[in-house]
C-alpha cells in the first residue's frame, strides 16, 4: 500500500537553495535527514517530536542522492533508529564507502577540472577546500533501482544532478530531492563529475559504481532533461529537497533555462574567427558566469562541459583538441 502521509521538517542549510527539507513519511521513514551538523540533528529531533515520532520507531532512512546536505545525517539516524538506510544504486557507494569514495571523488574531480582547462591554482583551491564530513568511513546501505518499493514508497530514477539521484513517490506526492528546486536550477555536470565523459582517464578515477557499470551513457544534461520530462508526465505533488512545494510550471522553466544556456554556449563559441573561437569548457564557463571561486569553479566548469557535450551529440559543436579539451562550432 502506498504511503499517504508526509510532513516536512526544515533541517539547517542557509545556502541559496533555501533550508534543507527532511520528510517524515507515514511515521515509518525519514527522507533526506539533512547535513551532518549538530544544529540539523537537533532540528530533526524537534521535528520528529512535534510529529509524535521517536527515532527508534523509524524503519527506514531514505536518501535521494549522495550530497552531504541530504545524506550527511543518514548514517547517524539509521544507527540511532536501528533502521535500514537505502538509496539509489548509482549513488550508494559514496555513502556506504564514504572514506574510500571521497578519495576517488577528489581524484576524479581534479582530473575533470584539469581536462576542462581550469587553472592549476583554481583546481587546488577546490580540492583543498573539500573538507571531510563527519560521516562514518563505512555504512550499510541498501541499493535501490527504479521501481523498487520501500516503506510504502516507489523509487523513481531521476539522474542528472547526480548519477544515481532517486525520487520517492507516495500516494499523490513525489519527493524529488534536488531534481527540481523552487528557486534555483540544479547544477548538472559539476555536482557529480562521474556523469561527464573524461576521455582516457575514466578508468583511473571511476567510482565503485559508475555510469559504465549501470549502463548509463555519460550525458548529464540529456539525462537531466529526460528526468524533467518524466516528472512533468506525472500528476503527483512535487516536494523538493530545499524549500517547500513546487509549482507545476517550474519544470518548464528549468527546461527553458537550459535551452537558453545552450544557446549562450553556442554564442560563446561563435565569438571570433574559426581558429580563435575554439574554447575550453573553463573559458566558456568564465564567459557564462564571470569570476568563479571555491566550489563554483567545479560547478561552472562541469555545467559548461555538460552543455558542450550535449551540443556535440547534436552535431552543433565538435572537440578539436584534448589536454585540455577544446570545442568549436561545426562550420
C-alpha atoms as a PDB file:
ATOM      1  CA  UNK A   1       0.000   0.000   0.000  1.00  0.00           C
ATOM      2  CA  UNK A   2       1.320   3.439  -0.956  1.00  0.00           C
ATOM      3  CA  UNK A   3       2.205   5.836   1.835  1.00  0.00           C
ATOM      4  CA  UNK A   4      -0.395   8.574   2.193  1.00  0.00           C
ATOM      5  CA  UNK A   5       1.024  10.973   4.794  1.00  0.00           C
ATOM      6  CA  UNK A   6       4.074  13.221   4.511  1.00  0.00           C
ATOM      7  CA  UNK A   7       5.322  16.152   6.560  1.00  0.00           C
ATOM      8  CA  UNK A   8       8.285  18.475   6.078  1.00  0.00           C
ATOM      9  CA  UNK A   9      10.958  19.168   8.703  1.00  0.00           C
ATOM     10  CA  UNK A  10      13.391  22.012   7.980  1.00  0.00           C
ATOM     11  CA  UNK A  11      16.900  20.938   8.950  1.00  0.00           C
ATOM     12  CA  UNK A  12      19.645  23.509   8.647  1.00  0.00           C
ATOM     13  CA  UNK A  13      21.087  24.854   5.453  1.00  0.00           C
ATOM     14  CA  UNK A  14      21.437  28.549   4.735  1.00  0.00           C
ATOM     15  CA  UNK A  15      22.507  28.368   1.084  1.00  0.00           C
ATOM     16  CA  UNK A  16      20.847  29.902  -1.970  1.00  0.00           C
ATOM     17  CA  UNK A  17      18.651  26.819  -2.367  1.00  0.00           C
ATOM     18  CA  UNK A  18      16.871  27.541   0.917  1.00  0.00           C
ATOM     19  CA  UNK A  19      16.610  25.387   4.028  1.00  0.00           C
ATOM     20  CA  UNK A  20      17.045  21.650   3.684  1.00  0.00           C
ATOM     21  CA  UNK A  21      13.825  19.686   3.685  1.00  0.00           C
ATOM     22  CA  UNK A  22      13.679  16.373   5.511  1.00  0.00           C
ATOM     23  CA  UNK A  23      10.412  14.480   5.115  1.00  0.00           C
ATOM     24  CA  UNK A  24       8.667  12.163   7.542  1.00  0.00           C
ATOM     25  CA  UNK A  25       6.539   9.642   5.639  1.00  0.00           C
ATOM     26  CA  UNK A  26       3.799   7.605   7.307  1.00  0.00           C
ATOM     27  CA  UNK A  27       5.706   7.737  10.611  1.00  0.00           C
ATOM     28  CA  UNK A  28       7.925   4.958   9.173  1.00  0.00           C
ATOM     29  CA  UNK A  29      10.630   6.676   7.186  1.00  0.00           C
ATOM     30  CA  UNK A  30      12.652   9.869   7.002  1.00  0.00           C
ATOM     31  CA  UNK A  31      13.838  11.015   3.587  1.00  0.00           C
ATOM     32  CA  UNK A  32      16.966  13.208   3.316  1.00  0.00           C
ATOM     33  CA  UNK A  33      17.569  13.795   7.039  1.00  0.00           C
ATOM     34  CA  UNK A  34      19.966  16.667   6.347  1.00  0.00           C
ATOM     35  CA  UNK A  35      23.563  17.859   6.724  1.00  0.00           C
ATOM     36  CA  UNK A  36      25.874  16.284   9.328  1.00  0.00           C
ATOM     37  CA  UNK A  37      25.708  19.135  11.847  1.00  0.00           C
ATOM     38  CA  UNK A  38      24.511  19.273  15.441  1.00  0.00           C
ATOM     39  CA  UNK A  39      22.101  22.045  14.519  1.00  0.00           C
ATOM     40  CA  UNK A  40      20.442  19.866  11.865  1.00  0.00           C
ATOM     41  CA  UNK A  41      20.401  16.875  14.239  1.00  0.00           C
ATOM     42  CA  UNK A  42      18.575  18.869  16.905  1.00  0.00           C
ATOM     43  CA  UNK A  43      16.151  20.337  14.369  1.00  0.00           C
ATOM     44  CA  UNK A  44      15.395  16.866  13.043  1.00  0.00           C
ATOM     45  CA  UNK A  45      14.730  15.580  16.579  1.00  0.00           C
ATOM     46  CA  UNK A  46      12.489  18.574  17.298  1.00  0.00           C
ATOM     47  CA  UNK A  47      10.512  17.976  14.119  1.00  0.00           C
ATOM     48  CA  UNK A  48      10.059  14.282  14.859  1.00  0.00           C
ATOM     49  CA  UNK A  49       8.960  15.032  18.412  1.00  0.00           C
ATOM     50  CA  UNK A  50       6.455  17.581  17.142  1.00  0.00           C
ATOM     51  CA  UNK A  51       5.025  14.864  14.901  1.00  0.00           C
ATOM     52  CA  UNK A  52       4.813  12.465  17.864  1.00  0.00           C
ATOM     53  CA  UNK A  53       7.505  10.168  16.455  1.00  0.00           C
ATOM     54  CA  UNK A  54      10.622   8.888  18.192  1.00  0.00           C
ATOM     55  CA  UNK A  55      13.686   7.937  16.116  1.00  0.00           C
ATOM     56  CA  UNK A  56      13.530   4.370  17.417  1.00  0.00           C
ATOM     57  CA  UNK A  57      10.114   3.916  15.745  1.00  0.00           C
ATOM     58  CA  UNK A  58      11.539   4.552  12.282  1.00  0.00           C
ATOM     59  CA  UNK A  59      12.045   1.606   9.927  1.00  0.00           C
ATOM     60  CA  UNK A  60      13.838   3.326   7.054  1.00  0.00           C
ATOM     61  CA  UNK A  61      16.107   6.259   6.311  1.00  0.00           C
ATOM     62  CA  UNK A  62      15.965   7.058   2.594  1.00  0.00           C
ATOM     63  CA  UNK A  63      18.265   9.387   0.664  1.00  0.00           C
ATOM     64  CA  UNK A  64      17.644  10.955  -2.744  1.00  0.00           C
ATOM     65  CA  UNK A  65      21.350  11.481  -3.549  1.00  0.00           C
ATOM     66  CA  UNK A  66      24.820  11.383  -2.048  1.00  0.00           C
ATOM     67  CA  UNK A  67      25.424  15.102  -1.355  1.00  0.00           C
ATOM     68  CA  UNK A  68      26.210  15.704   2.298  1.00  0.00           C
ATOM     69  CA  UNK A  69      23.455  18.274   2.859  1.00  0.00           C
ATOM     70  CA  UNK A  70      20.951  15.472   2.154  1.00  0.00           C
ATOM     71  CA  UNK A  71      22.784  12.306   3.192  1.00  0.00           C
ATOM     72  CA  UNK A  72      25.013  13.621   5.989  1.00  0.00           C
ATOM     73  CA  UNK A  73      22.791  12.635   8.904  1.00  0.00           C
ATOM     74  CA  UNK A  74      21.536   9.423   7.317  1.00  0.00           C
ATOM     75  CA  UNK A  75      24.106   7.036   8.862  1.00  0.00           C
ATOM     76  CA  UNK A  76      23.670   8.588  12.315  1.00  0.00           C
ATOM     77  CA  UNK A  77      19.874   8.441  12.161  1.00  0.00           C
ATOM     78  CA  UNK A  78      19.864   4.900  10.792  1.00  0.00           C
ATOM     79  CA  UNK A  79      22.166   3.732  13.591  1.00  0.00           C
ATOM     80  CA  UNK A  80      20.144   5.541  16.284  1.00  0.00           C
ATOM     81  CA  UNK A  81      16.862   4.130  14.981  1.00  0.00           C
ATOM     82  CA  UNK A  82      18.272   0.700  14.076  1.00  0.00           C
ATOM     83  CA  UNK A  83      16.678   1.418  10.695  1.00  0.00           C
ATOM     84  CA  UNK A  84      17.606   0.436   7.144  1.00  0.00           C
ATOM     85  CA  UNK A  85      19.420   3.107   5.145  1.00  0.00           C
ATOM     86  CA  UNK A  86      18.539   2.895   1.436  1.00  0.00           C
ATOM     87  CA  UNK A  87      19.222   4.981  -1.669  1.00  0.00           C
ATOM     88  CA  UNK A  88      19.648   4.705  -5.419  1.00  0.00           C
ATOM     89  CA  UNK A  89      22.270   2.161  -6.501  1.00  0.00           C
ATOM     90  CA  UNK A  90      24.157   4.733  -8.550  1.00  0.00           C
ATOM     91  CA  UNK A  91      24.900   6.909  -5.518  1.00  0.00           C
ATOM     92  CA  UNK A  92      25.018   4.340  -2.728  1.00  0.00           C
ATOM     93  CA  UNK A  93      28.777   3.756  -2.768  1.00  0.00           C
ATOM     94  CA  UNK A  94      29.545   7.374  -1.929  1.00  0.00           C
ATOM     95  CA  UNK A  95      27.751   6.942   1.401  1.00  0.00           C
ATOM     96  CA  UNK A  96      28.370   3.240   2.032  1.00  0.00           C
ATOM     97  CA  UNK A  97      32.126   3.575   1.443  1.00  0.00           C
ATOM     98  CA  UNK A  98      32.487   7.256   2.265  1.00  0.00           C
ATOM     99  CA  UNK A  99      36.222   7.388   3.055  1.00  0.00           C
ATOM    100  CA  UNK A 100      37.360   5.400   0.017  1.00  0.00           C
ATOM    101  CA  UNK A 101      34.913   7.052  -2.368  1.00  0.00           C
ATOM    102  CA  UNK A 102      35.811  10.545  -1.153  1.00  0.00           C
ATOM    103  CA  UNK A 103      39.422   9.977  -2.154  1.00  0.00           C
ATOM    104  CA  UNK A 104      38.322   8.673  -5.542  1.00  0.00           C
ATOM    105  CA  UNK A 105      35.959  11.609  -5.959  1.00  0.00           C
ATOM    106  CA  UNK A 106      38.674  14.163  -5.261  1.00  0.00           C
ATOM    107  CA  UNK A 107      40.991  12.478  -7.741  1.00  0.00           C
ATOM    108  CA  UNK A 108      38.219  12.360 -10.328  1.00  0.00           C
ATOM    109  CA  UNK A 109      37.138  15.967  -9.726  1.00  0.00           C
ATOM    110  CA  UNK A 110      40.705  17.219 -10.145  1.00  0.00           C
ATOM    111  CA  UNK A 111      41.181  15.212 -13.364  1.00  0.00           C
ATOM    112  CA  UNK A 112      37.934  16.527 -14.826  1.00  0.00           C
ATOM    113  CA  UNK A 113      38.712  20.150 -13.938  1.00  0.00           C
ATOM    114  CA  UNK A 114      42.194  19.914 -15.435  1.00  0.00           C
ATOM    115  CA  UNK A 115      40.795  18.454 -18.639  1.00  0.00           C
ATOM    116  CA  UNK A 116      38.263  21.306 -18.738  1.00  0.00           C
ATOM    117  CA  UNK A 117      41.138  23.790 -18.739  1.00  0.00           C
ATOM    118  CA  UNK A 118      40.727  25.012 -15.165  1.00  0.00           C
ATOM    119  CA  UNK A 119      43.995  26.631 -13.967  1.00  0.00           C
ATOM    120  CA  UNK A 120      46.047  24.581 -11.513  1.00  0.00           C
ATOM    121  CA  UNK A 121      45.635  27.115  -8.698  1.00  0.00           C
ATOM    122  CA  UNK A 122      41.853  27.023  -9.046  1.00  0.00           C
ATOM    123  CA  UNK A 123      41.824  23.210  -9.127  1.00  0.00           C
ATOM    124  CA  UNK A 124      43.952  23.105  -5.994  1.00  0.00           C
ATOM    125  CA  UNK A 125      41.659  25.567  -4.222  1.00  0.00           C
ATOM    126  CA  UNK A 126      38.630  23.346  -4.854  1.00  0.00           C
ATOM    127  CA  UNK A 127      40.365  20.158  -3.716  1.00  0.00           C
ATOM    128  CA  UNK A 128      41.989  21.772  -0.668  1.00  0.00           C
ATOM    129  CA  UNK A 129      38.657  23.332   0.303  1.00  0.00           C
ATOM    130  CA  UNK A 130      36.816  19.998   0.288  1.00  0.00           C
ATOM    131  CA  UNK A 131      36.528  19.257   3.993  1.00  0.00           C
ATOM    132  CA  UNK A 132      35.923  15.797   5.417  1.00  0.00           C
ATOM    133  CA  UNK A 133      32.329  15.297   6.564  1.00  0.00           C
ATOM    134  CA  UNK A 134      31.661  13.642   9.935  1.00  0.00           C
ATOM    135  CA  UNK A 135      30.267  10.571   8.177  1.00  0.00           C
ATOM    136  CA  UNK A 136      31.410   7.033   9.063  1.00  0.00           C
ATOM    137  CA  UNK A 137      34.045   5.557   6.764  1.00  0.00           C
ATOM    138  CA  UNK A 138      31.682   2.659   6.047  1.00  0.00           C
ATOM    139  CA  UNK A 139      27.916   2.341   6.467  1.00  0.00           C
ATOM    140  CA  UNK A 140      25.488  -0.440   5.466  1.00  0.00           C
ATOM    141  CA  UNK A 141      23.355   0.865   2.586  1.00  0.00           C
ATOM    142  CA  UNK A 142      20.623  -0.963   0.685  1.00  0.00           C
ATOM    143  CA  UNK A 143      20.775  -0.283  -3.076  1.00  0.00           C
ATOM    144  CA  UNK A 144      17.531   0.682  -4.811  1.00  0.00           C
ATOM    145  CA  UNK A 145      16.696   0.609  -8.509  1.00  0.00           C
ATOM    146  CA  UNK A 146      13.891   2.211 -10.478  1.00  0.00           C
ATOM    147  CA  UNK A 147      10.524   0.783  -9.476  1.00  0.00           C
ATOM    148  CA  UNK A 148      11.617  -0.741  -6.166  1.00  0.00           C
ATOM    149  CA  UNK A 149       9.174  -0.259  -3.292  1.00  0.00           C
ATOM    150  CA  UNK A 150      10.208   0.572   0.256  1.00  0.00           C
ATOM    151  CA  UNK A 151       8.207   1.957   3.214  1.00  0.00           C
ATOM    152  CA  UNK A 152       5.155   2.436   1.008  1.00  0.00           C
ATOM    153  CA  UNK A 153       7.173   4.484  -1.491  1.00  0.00           C
ATOM    154  CA  UNK A 154       8.240   3.778  -5.066  1.00  0.00           C
ATOM    155  CA  UNK A 155      11.825   4.557  -6.065  1.00  0.00           C
ATOM    156  CA  UNK A 156      11.851   6.685  -9.226  1.00  0.00           C
ATOM    157  CA  UNK A 157      15.184   7.062 -11.038  1.00  0.00           C
ATOM    158  CA  UNK A 158      15.863  10.773 -11.640  1.00  0.00           C
ATOM    159  CA  UNK A 159      19.512  11.064 -12.801  1.00  0.00           C
ATOM    160  CA  UNK A 160      21.151  14.289 -13.911  1.00  0.00           C
ATOM    161  CA  UNK A 161      22.072  16.288 -10.838  1.00  0.00           C
ATOM    162  CA  UNK A 162      23.897  13.151  -9.661  1.00  0.00           C
ATOM    163  CA  UNK A 163      24.375   9.810 -11.352  1.00  0.00           C
ATOM    164  CA  UNK A 164      22.079   7.849  -9.033  1.00  0.00           C
ATOM    165  CA  UNK A 165      19.610  10.558  -7.975  1.00  0.00           C
ATOM    166  CA  UNK A 166      16.351   8.896  -6.930  1.00  0.00           C
ATOM    167  CA  UNK A 167      12.939  10.362  -6.114  1.00  0.00           C
ATOM    168  CA  UNK A 168      10.351   8.662  -3.906  1.00  0.00           C
ATOM    169  CA  UNK A 169       6.658   8.511  -4.821  1.00  0.00           C
ATOM    170  CA  UNK A 170       3.820   8.044  -2.366  1.00  0.00           C
ATOM    171  CA  UNK A 171       0.076   8.397  -2.801  1.00  0.00           C
ATOM    172  CA  UNK A 172      -0.236  11.743  -4.595  1.00  0.00           C
ATOM    173  CA  UNK A 173       3.192  13.137  -3.750  1.00  0.00           C
ATOM    174  CA  UNK A 174       6.708  12.799  -5.099  1.00  0.00           C
ATOM    175  CA  UNK A 175       9.811  13.657  -3.061  1.00  0.00           C
ATOM    176  CA  UNK A 176      12.181  14.924  -5.765  1.00  0.00           C
ATOM    177  CA  UNK A 177      15.314  15.897  -3.802  1.00  0.00           C
ATOM    178  CA  UNK A 178      17.336  18.274  -5.962  1.00  0.00           C
ATOM    179  CA  UNK A 179      15.890  17.142  -9.302  1.00  0.00           C
ATOM    180  CA  UNK A 180      13.559  20.156  -9.205  1.00  0.00           C
ATOM    181  CA  UNK A 181      14.086  23.149  -6.925  1.00  0.00           C
ATOM    182  CA  UNK A 182      11.656  26.040  -6.419  1.00  0.00           C
ATOM    183  CA  UNK A 183      14.083  28.979  -6.690  1.00  0.00           C
ATOM    184  CA  UNK A 184      17.338  27.818  -8.325  1.00  0.00           C
ATOM    185  CA  UNK A 185      18.258  25.461 -11.167  1.00  0.00           C
ATOM    186  CA  UNK A 186      20.076  22.297 -10.065  1.00  0.00           C
ATOM    187  CA  UNK A 187      23.666  22.049 -11.269  1.00  0.00           C
ATOM    188  CA  UNK A 188      24.487  19.365 -13.830  1.00  0.00           C
ATOM    189  CA  UNK A 189      27.991  18.146 -14.597  1.00  0.00           C
ATOM    190  CA  UNK A 190      29.926  19.717 -11.748  1.00  0.00           C
ATOM    191  CA  UNK A 191      27.737  18.448  -8.938  1.00  0.00           C
ATOM    192  CA  UNK A 192      28.744  14.877  -9.836  1.00  0.00           C
ATOM    193  CA  UNK A 193      31.699  14.574 -12.198  1.00  0.00           C
ATOM    194  CA  UNK A 194      31.032  10.838 -12.682  1.00  0.00           C
ATOM    195  CA  UNK A 195      28.324  11.890 -15.135  1.00  0.00           C
ATOM    196  CA  UNK A 196      30.819  13.538 -17.516  1.00  0.00           C
ATOM    197  CA  UNK A 197      32.869  11.885 -20.233  1.00  0.00           C
ATOM    198  CA  UNK A 198      36.513  12.266 -19.245  1.00  0.00           C
ATOM    199  CA  UNK A 199      38.488  10.725 -22.064  1.00  0.00           C
ATOM    200  CA  UNK A 200      41.018   8.031 -21.225  1.00  0.00           C
ATOM    201  CA  UNK A 201      41.163   8.947 -17.552  1.00  0.00           C
ATOM    202  CA  UNK A 202      37.758   7.491 -16.774  1.00  0.00           C
ATOM    203  CA  UNK A 203      39.061   4.063 -15.767  1.00  0.00           C
ATOM    204  CA  UNK A 204      41.666   5.560 -13.444  1.00  0.00           C
ATOM    205  CA  UNK A 205      39.210   7.612 -11.428  1.00  0.00           C
ATOM    206  CA  UNK A 206      35.986   5.621 -11.742  1.00  0.00           C
ATOM    207  CA  UNK A 207      33.744   5.158  -8.734  1.00  0.00           C
ATOM    208  CA  UNK A 208      32.892   1.727  -7.391  1.00  0.00           C
ATOM    209  CA  UNK A 209      29.506   2.273  -9.040  1.00  0.00           C
ATOM    210  CA  UNK A 210      29.789   4.447 -12.115  1.00  0.00           C
ATOM    211  CA  UNK A 211      27.874   5.142 -15.304  1.00  0.00           C
ATOM    212  CA  UNK A 212      29.514   2.293 -17.219  1.00  0.00           C
ATOM    213  CA  UNK A 213      28.597  -0.276 -14.573  1.00  0.00           C
ATOM    214  CA  UNK A 214      24.993   0.949 -14.550  1.00  0.00           C
ATOM    215  CA  UNK A 215      24.743   1.014 -18.344  1.00  0.00           C
ATOM    216  CA  UNK A 216      24.179   4.781 -18.335  1.00  0.00           C
ATOM    217  CA  UNK A 217      25.617   6.891 -21.128  1.00  0.00           C
ATOM    218  CA  UNK A 218      27.547   9.878 -19.802  1.00  0.00           C
ATOM    219  CA  UNK A 219      25.343  12.812 -20.792  1.00  0.00           C
ATOM    220  CA  UNK A 220      24.284  14.676 -17.657  1.00  0.00           C
ATOM    221  CA  UNK A 221      22.258  17.330 -19.452  1.00  0.00           C
ATOM    222  CA  UNK A 222      20.468  14.747 -21.589  1.00  0.00           C
ATOM    223  CA  UNK A 223      19.767  12.632 -18.501  1.00  0.00           C
ATOM    224  CA  UNK A 224      18.520  15.672 -16.601  1.00  0.00           C
ATOM    225  CA  UNK A 225      16.201  16.737 -19.422  1.00  0.00           C
ATOM    226  CA  UNK A 226      14.788  13.204 -19.593  1.00  0.00           C
ATOM    227  CA  UNK A 227      14.266  13.283 -15.815  1.00  0.00           C
ATOM    228  CA  UNK A 228      12.370  16.574 -16.012  1.00  0.00           C
ATOM    229  CA  UNK A 229      10.195  15.290 -18.851  1.00  0.00           C
ATOM    230  CA  UNK A 230       9.458  12.136 -16.869  1.00  0.00           C
ATOM    231  CA  UNK A 231       8.446  14.173 -13.829  1.00  0.00           C
ATOM    232  CA  UNK A 232       6.308  16.505 -15.968  1.00  0.00           C
ATOM    233  CA  UNK A 233       4.274  13.493 -17.105  1.00  0.00           C
ATOM    234  CA  UNK A 234       3.319  12.682 -13.514  1.00  0.00           C
ATOM    235  CA  UNK A 235       0.405  14.245 -11.656  1.00  0.00           C
ATOM    236  CA  UNK A 236       1.976  13.962  -8.184  1.00  0.00           C
ATOM    237  CA  UNK A 237       2.523  16.966  -5.935  1.00  0.00           C
ATOM    238  CA  UNK A 238       6.246  17.710  -6.115  1.00  0.00           C
ATOM    239  CA  UNK A 239       8.120  18.197  -2.829  1.00  0.00           C
ATOM    240  CA  UNK A 240      11.705  19.456  -3.114  1.00  0.00           C
ATOM    241  CA  UNK A 241      14.826  18.819  -1.063  1.00  0.00           C
ATOM    242  CA  UNK A 242      15.062  22.562  -0.348  1.00  0.00           C
ATOM    243  CA  UNK A 243      12.192  24.903   0.391  1.00  0.00           C
ATOM    244  CA  UNK A 244       8.595  23.777   0.279  1.00  0.00           C
ATOM    245  CA  UNK A 245       6.225  22.936  -2.586  1.00  0.00           C
ATOM    246  CA  UNK A 246       6.937  23.388  -6.286  1.00  0.00           C
ATOM    247  CA  UNK A 247       4.614  24.975  -8.827  1.00  0.00           C
ATOM    248  CA  UNK A 248       3.881  22.686 -11.790  1.00  0.00           C
ATOM    249  CA  UNK A 249       5.238  25.281 -14.211  1.00  0.00           C
ATOM    250  CA  UNK A 250       8.670  25.092 -12.583  1.00  0.00           C
ATOM    251  CA  UNK A 251       9.748  22.098 -14.699  1.00  0.00           C
ATOM    252  CA  UNK A 252       9.062  24.007 -17.917  1.00  0.00           C
ATOM    253  CA  UNK A 253      11.016  26.970 -16.541  1.00  0.00           C
ATOM    254  CA  UNK A 254      14.074  24.796 -15.866  1.00  0.00           C
ATOM    255  CA  UNK A 255      13.898  23.201 -19.319  1.00  0.00           C
ATOM    256  CA  UNK A 256      13.663  26.672 -20.876  1.00  0.00           C
ATOM    257  CA  UNK A 257      16.596  27.817 -18.760  1.00  0.00           C
ATOM    258  CA  UNK A 258      18.817  25.069 -20.143  1.00  0.00           C
ATOM    259  CA  UNK A 259      17.718  25.685 -23.722  1.00  0.00           C
ATOM    260  CA  UNK A 260      18.703  29.318 -23.294  1.00  0.00           C
ATOM    261  CA  UNK A 261      22.006  28.353 -21.665  1.00  0.00           C
ATOM    262  CA  UNK A 262      22.873  26.053 -24.580  1.00  0.00           C
ATOM    263  CA  UNK A 263      22.295  28.989 -26.924  1.00  0.00           C
ATOM    264  CA  UNK A 264      24.632  31.102 -24.804  1.00  0.00           C
ATOM    265  CA  UNK A 265      27.274  28.368 -25.012  1.00  0.00           C
ATOM    266  CA  UNK A 266      26.965  28.378 -28.810  1.00  0.00           C
ATOM    267  CA  UNK A 267      27.237  32.170 -28.828  1.00  0.00           C
ATOM    268  CA  UNK A 268      30.429  31.948 -26.739  1.00  0.00           C
ATOM    269  CA  UNK A 269      31.996  29.695 -29.382  1.00  0.00           C
ATOM    270  CA  UNK A 270      30.790  31.832 -32.272  1.00  0.00           C
ATOM    271  CA  UNK A 271      32.599  34.850 -30.847  1.00  0.00           C
ATOM    272  CA  UNK A 272      35.676  35.050 -33.105  1.00  0.00           C
ATOM    273  CA  UNK A 273      37.346  33.628 -36.191  1.00  0.00           C
ATOM    274  CA  UNK A 274      37.171  29.837 -36.710  1.00  0.00           C
ATOM    275  CA  UNK A 275      40.668  29.166 -35.318  1.00  0.00           C
ATOM    276  CA  UNK A 276      40.289  31.674 -32.499  1.00  0.00           C
ATOM    277  CA  UNK A 277      36.802  30.570 -31.499  1.00  0.00           C
ATOM    278  CA  UNK A 278      37.799  27.162 -30.079  1.00  0.00           C
ATOM    279  CA  UNK A 279      37.486  27.307 -26.302  1.00  0.00           C
ATOM    280  CA  UNK A 280      37.931  25.087 -23.293  1.00  0.00           C
ATOM    281  CA  UNK A 281      34.904  24.448 -21.067  1.00  0.00           C
ATOM    282  CA  UNK A 282      36.588  26.651 -18.463  1.00  0.00           C
ATOM    283  CA  UNK A 283      36.789  29.576 -20.902  1.00  0.00           C
ATOM    284  CA  UNK A 284      33.128  29.064 -21.774  1.00  0.00           C
ATOM    285  CA  UNK A 285      32.215  28.911 -18.074  1.00  0.00           C
ATOM    286  CA  UNK A 286      34.020  32.189 -17.363  1.00  0.00           C
ATOM    287  CA  UNK A 287      32.160  33.790 -20.250  1.00  0.00           C
ATOM    288  CA  UNK A 288      28.836  32.470 -18.942  1.00  0.00           C
ATOM    289  CA  UNK A 289      29.258  33.034 -15.218  1.00  0.00           C
ATOM    290  CA  UNK A 290      32.056  35.585 -14.752  1.00  0.00           C
ATOM    291  CA  UNK A 291      34.592  35.145 -11.966  1.00  0.00           C
ATOM    292  CA  UNK A 292      34.277  31.764 -10.272  1.00  0.00           C
ATOM    293  CA  UNK A 293      35.690  30.847  -6.883  1.00  0.00           C
ATOM    294  CA  UNK A 294      35.595  27.901  -4.500  1.00  0.00           C
ATOM    295  CA  UNK A 295      33.158  25.099  -5.292  1.00  0.00           C
ATOM    296  CA  UNK A 296      31.673  27.220  -8.084  1.00  0.00           C
ATOM    297  CA  UNK A 297      34.845  26.548 -10.102  1.00  0.00           C
ATOM    298  CA  UNK A 298      33.849  22.882 -10.336  1.00  0.00           C
ATOM    299  CA  UNK A 299      30.155  23.645 -10.773  1.00  0.00           C
ATOM    300  CA  UNK A 300      30.759  26.189 -13.544  1.00  0.00           C
ATOM    301  CA  UNK A 301      33.285  24.089 -15.466  1.00  0.00           C
ATOM    302  CA  UNK A 302      31.097  20.997 -15.106  1.00  0.00           C
ATOM    303  CA  UNK A 303      27.929  22.705 -16.296  1.00  0.00           C
ATOM    304  CA  UNK A 304      29.707  24.238 -19.302  1.00  0.00           C
ATOM    305  CA  UNK A 305      31.074  20.783 -20.146  1.00  0.00           C
ATOM    306  CA  UNK A 306      27.617  19.208 -19.824  1.00  0.00           C
ATOM    307  CA  UNK A 307      26.200  21.695 -22.329  1.00  0.00           C
ATOM    308  CA  UNK A 308      29.139  21.311 -24.710  1.00  0.00           C
ATOM    309  CA  UNK A 309      28.847  17.528 -24.642  1.00  0.00           C
ATOM    310  CA  UNK A 310      25.106  17.744 -25.319  1.00  0.00           C
ATOM    311  CA  UNK A 311      25.721  20.131 -28.229  1.00  0.00           C
ATOM    312  CA  UNK A 312      28.390  17.751 -29.528  1.00  0.00           C
ATOM    313  CA  UNK A 313      25.845  14.929 -29.543  1.00  0.00           C
ATOM    314  CA  UNK A 314      23.507  17.178 -31.535  1.00  0.00           C
ATOM    315  CA  UNK A 315      26.231  17.795 -34.112  1.00  0.00           C
ATOM    316  CA  UNK A 316      26.433  21.532 -33.409  1.00  0.00           C
ATOM    317  CA  UNK A 317      29.919  21.607 -31.844  1.00  0.00           C
ATOM    318  CA  UNK A 318      32.980  19.392 -32.091  1.00  0.00           C
ATOM    319  CA  UNK A 319      36.044  18.656 -29.997  1.00  0.00           C
ATOM    320  CA  UNK A 320      39.102  19.993 -31.758  1.00  0.00           C
ATOM    321  CA  UNK A 321      41.745  19.350 -29.085  1.00  0.00           C
ATOM    322  CA  UNK A 322      42.368  17.359 -25.910  1.00  0.00           C
ATOM    323  CA  UNK A 323      44.529  18.005 -22.862  1.00  0.00           C
ATOM    324  CA  UNK A 324      42.763  20.327 -22.120  1.00  0.00           C
ATOM    325  CA  UNK A 325      39.746  19.660 -24.294  1.00  0.00           C
ATOM    326  CA  UNK A 326      38.609  22.418 -26.651  1.00  0.00           C
ATOM    327  CA  UNK A 327      35.373  22.791 -28.576  1.00  0.00           C
ATOM    328  CA  UNK A 328      34.432  24.708 -31.681  1.00  0.00           C
ATOM    329  CA  UNK A 329      31.318  25.302 -33.748  1.00  0.00           C
ATOM    330  CA  UNK A 330      30.708  22.827 -36.556  1.00  0.00           C
ATOM    331  CA  UNK A 331      31.054  25.084 -39.591  1.00  0.00           C
END
